[in-house]
Amino acid sequence: MRRLAQASLARDGGNSVISADIDEALDDMLFSGGRLNARLLGGAQAMAEG
């Protein structure tokens, strides 16, 4: 939720949430966030070791 709020704040001052904000937050959590997030979120073992 924090990442979603940050994306919304950066885009329009937090006035609304759009699908692009959700996509950005998910991408950050699942791919850009690194090995810890992959493990915490149950990502594939190969991703966690990557």
Protein backbone atom coordinates (compact mmCIF):
# COMPACT_ATOMS: atom_id res chain seq x y z
CA MET A 1 0.00 0.00 0.00
CA ARG A 2 2.86 2.37 0.74
CA ARG A 3 4.29 1.92 -2.74
CA LEU A 4 0.89 2.45 -4.30
CA ALA A 5 0.45 5.66 -2.32
CA GLN A 6 3.93 6.84 -3.32
CA ALA A 7 3.19 6.24 -7.02
CA SER A 8 -0.07 8.17 -6.73
CA LEU A 9 1.58 11.02 -4.84
CA ALA A 10 4.38 11.29 -7.40
CA ARG A 11 1.93 11.33 -10.31
CA ASP A 12 -0.78 13.75 -9.15
CA GLY A 13 -0.26 14.60 -5.52
CA GLY A 14 -2.24 11.60 -4.30
CA ASN A 15 -5.59 12.77 -5.65
CA SER A 16 -6.35 9.46 -7.37
CA VAL A 17 -5.08 5.95 -7.95
CA ILE A 18 -4.98 4.57 -11.48
CA SER A 19 -4.01 1.18 -12.87
CA ALA A 20 -0.55 2.51 -13.82
CA ASP A 21 0.07 3.25 -10.12
CA ILE A 22 -0.85 -0.33 -9.25
CA ASP A 23 1.37 -1.68 -12.04
CA GLU A 24 4.28 0.44 -10.84
CA ALA A 25 3.86 -0.67 -7.22
CA LEU A 26 3.60 -4.35 -8.18
CA ASP A 27 6.60 -4.13 -10.48
CA ASP A 28 8.63 -2.51 -7.72
CA MET A 29 7.60 -5.14 -5.17
CA LEU A 30 7.95 -8.20 -7.39
CA PHE A 31 10.85 -7.37 -9.69
CA SER A 32 12.73 -4.23 -8.69
CA GLY A 33 12.56 -4.87 -4.95
CA GLY A 34 15.15 -7.60 -4.96
CA ARG A 35 15.51 -11.03 -3.41
CA LEU A 36 13.98 -10.24 -0.03
CA ASN A 37 10.66 -9.15 -1.52
CA ALA A 38 10.58 -12.20 -3.77
CA ARG A 39 11.00 -14.45 -0.75
CA LEU A 40 8.49 -12.56 1.37
CA LEU A 41 5.91 -12.62 -1.38
CA GLY A 42 6.43 -16.29 -2.23
CA GLY A 43 8.21 -15.69 -5.52
CA ALA A 44 9.84 -18.45 -7.49
CA GLN A 45 13.00 -19.85 -5.95
CA ALA A 46 15.00 -18.95 -9.06
CA MET A 47 13.89 -15.32 -8.72
CA ALA A 48 14.81 -15.30 -5.04
CA GLU A 49 18.29 -16.61 -5.81
CA GLY A 50 18.79 -14.36 -8.85
